[in-house]
Amino acid sequence: MAFSKDIADELDVLALFNEDTTQEGLKIHSTAQDHVIAAAQRLHDKGLITQADGGYLTDLGRKASGHAHDLLSILQA
């Protein structure tokens, strides 16, 4: 099994969140690339972020974002 483009886009958005604080969110502007906007919408639909255009991570989203950050650290080492 390989990461689909959609999953890779979602991981990219999750990795944008600051894992050191729960008080910092994201705003995906309407001028962002279409695949970023779509990834944020999918993350919202899956219950990982609070708003379709970013917002804050949910509890599940914090776990997923933490795993995304860990995976990036391992692969970039």
C-alpha atoms as a PDB file:
ATOM      1  CA  MET A   1       0.000   0.000   0.000  1.00  0.00           C
ATOM      2  CA  ALA A   2       1.287   3.452  -0.892  1.00  0.00           C
ATOM      3  CA  PHE A   3       0.234   6.939   0.196  1.00  0.00           C
ATOM      4  CA  SER A   4      -2.246   8.404  -2.257  1.00  0.00           C
ATOM      5  CA  LYS A   5      -1.859  12.019  -3.356  1.00  0.00           C
ATOM      6  CA  ASP A   6      -4.873  12.927  -1.217  1.00  0.00           C
ATOM      7  CA  ILE A   7      -3.372  11.319   1.898  1.00  0.00           C
ATOM      8  CA  ALA A   8      -0.013  12.980   1.235  1.00  0.00           C
ATOM      9  CA  ASP A   9      -1.795  16.344   0.934  1.00  0.00           C
ATOM     10  CA  GLU A  10      -3.619  15.721   4.214  1.00  0.00           C
ATOM     11  CA  LEU A  11      -0.343  14.809   5.932  1.00  0.00           C
ATOM     12  CA  ASP A  12       1.176  18.032   4.598  1.00  0.00           C
ATOM     13  CA  VAL A  13      -1.653  20.073   6.128  1.00  0.00           C
ATOM     14  CA  LEU A  14      -1.400  18.220   9.444  1.00  0.00           C
ATOM     15  CA  ALA A  15       2.337  18.913   9.513  1.00  0.00           C
ATOM     16  CA  LEU A  16       1.649  22.667   9.273  1.00  0.00           C
ATOM     17  CA  PHE A  17       0.136  22.681  12.769  1.00  0.00           C
ATOM     18  CA  ASN A  18       2.429  23.630  15.646  1.00  0.00           C
ATOM     19  CA  GLU A  19       2.655  20.507  17.787  1.00  0.00           C
ATOM     20  CA  ASP A  20       3.990  22.464  20.772  1.00  0.00           C
ATOM     21  CA  THR A  21       0.713  24.266  21.529  1.00  0.00           C
ATOM     22  CA  THR A  22      -3.030  23.728  21.300  1.00  0.00           C
ATOM     23  CA  GLN A  23      -3.609  27.487  21.175  1.00  0.00           C
ATOM     24  CA  GLU A  24      -2.402  27.974  17.598  1.00  0.00           C
ATOM     25  CA  GLY A  25      -4.555  27.115  14.611  1.00  0.00           C
ATOM     26  CA  LEU A  26      -4.378  27.490  10.848  1.00  0.00           C
ATOM     27  CA  LYS A  27      -6.324  29.483   8.294  1.00  0.00           C
ATOM     28  CA  ILE A  28      -6.395  28.054   4.775  1.00  0.00           C
ATOM     29  CA  HIS A  29      -7.260  31.029   2.575  1.00  0.00           C
ATOM     30  CA  SER A  30      -9.446  30.775  -0.497  1.00  0.00           C
ATOM     31  CA  THR A  31      -6.389  31.724  -2.554  1.00  0.00           C
ATOM     32  CA  ALA A  32      -4.490  28.595  -1.418  1.00  0.00           C
ATOM     33  CA  GLN A  33      -3.818  25.862  -3.939  1.00  0.00           C
ATOM     34  CA  ASP A  34      -6.877  23.741  -4.693  1.00  0.00           C
ATOM     35  CA  HIS A  35      -5.307  20.550  -3.351  1.00  0.00           C
ATOM     36  CA  VAL A  36      -4.576  22.245   0.005  1.00  0.00           C
ATOM     37  CA  ILE A  37      -8.153  23.525   0.294  1.00  0.00           C
ATOM     38  CA  ALA A  38      -9.477  20.066  -0.562  1.00  0.00           C
ATOM     39  CA  ALA A  39      -7.147  18.395   1.954  1.00  0.00           C
ATOM     40  CA  ALA A  40      -8.351  20.723   4.726  1.00  0.00           C
ATOM     41  CA  GLN A  41     -11.966  19.958   3.838  1.00  0.00           C
ATOM     42  CA  ARG A  42     -11.280  16.209   4.008  1.00  0.00           C
ATOM     43  CA  LEU A  43      -9.529  16.594   7.370  1.00  0.00           C
ATOM     44  CA  HIS A  44     -12.546  18.504   8.664  1.00  0.00           C
ATOM     45  CA  ASP A  45     -14.913  15.847   7.285  1.00  0.00           C
ATOM     46  CA  LYS A  46     -12.853  13.207   9.120  1.00  0.00           C
ATOM     47  CA  GLY A  47     -13.070  15.148  12.381  1.00  0.00           C
ATOM     48  CA  LEU A  48      -9.368  16.025  12.593  1.00  0.00           C
ATOM     49  CA  ILE A  49      -9.710  19.817  12.386  1.00  0.00           C
ATOM     50  CA  THR A  50     -12.454  22.099  13.669  1.00  0.00           C
ATOM     51  CA  GLN A  51     -13.118  24.115  10.507  1.00  0.00           C
ATOM     52  CA  ALA A  52     -13.169  23.274   6.806  1.00  0.00           C
ATOM     53  CA  ASP A  53     -10.629  26.056   6.239  1.00  0.00           C
ATOM     54  CA  GLY A  54      -8.310  25.054   9.079  1.00  0.00           C
ATOM     55  CA  GLY A  55      -9.166  26.099  12.595  1.00  0.00           C
ATOM     56  CA  TYR A  56      -7.727  23.998  15.380  1.00  0.00           C
ATOM     57  CA  LEU A  57      -6.856  20.349  15.745  1.00  0.00           C
ATOM     58  CA  THR A  58      -9.376  18.118  17.470  1.00  0.00           C
ATOM     59  CA  ASP A  59      -8.138  15.537  19.979  1.00  0.00           C
ATOM     60  CA  LEU A  60      -7.878  12.982  17.176  1.00  0.00           C
ATOM     61  CA  GLY A  61      -6.270  15.602  14.953  1.00  0.00           C
ATOM     62  CA  ARG A  62      -3.571  16.270  17.577  1.00  0.00           C
ATOM     63  CA  LYS A  63      -2.721  12.567  17.596  1.00  0.00           C
ATOM     64  CA  ALA A  64      -2.618  12.435  13.797  1.00  0.00           C
ATOM     65  CA  SER A  65      -0.545  15.616  13.574  1.00  0.00           C
ATOM     66  CA  GLY A  66       1.899  14.253  16.134  1.00  0.00           C
ATOM     67  CA  HIS A  67       2.292  11.078  14.087  1.00  0.00           C
ATOM     68  CA  ALA A  68       2.755  13.135  10.917  1.00  0.00           C
ATOM     69  CA  HIS A  69       5.505  15.174  12.604  1.00  0.00           C
ATOM     70  CA  ASP A  70       7.150  11.981  13.893  1.00  0.00           C
ATOM     71  CA  LEU A  71       7.053  10.385  10.449  1.00  0.00           C
ATOM     72  CA  LEU A  72       8.626  13.463   8.864  1.00  0.00           C
ATOM     73  CA  SER A  73      11.376  13.476  11.492  1.00  0.00           C
ATOM     74  CA  ILE A  74      12.168   9.824  10.855  1.00  0.00           C
ATOM     75  CA  LEU A  75      12.163  10.124   7.079  1.00  0.00           C
ATOM     76  CA  GLN A  76      14.171  13.341   7.005  1.00  0.00           C
ATOM     77  CA  ALA A  77      16.869  12.006   9.349  1.00  0.00           C
END
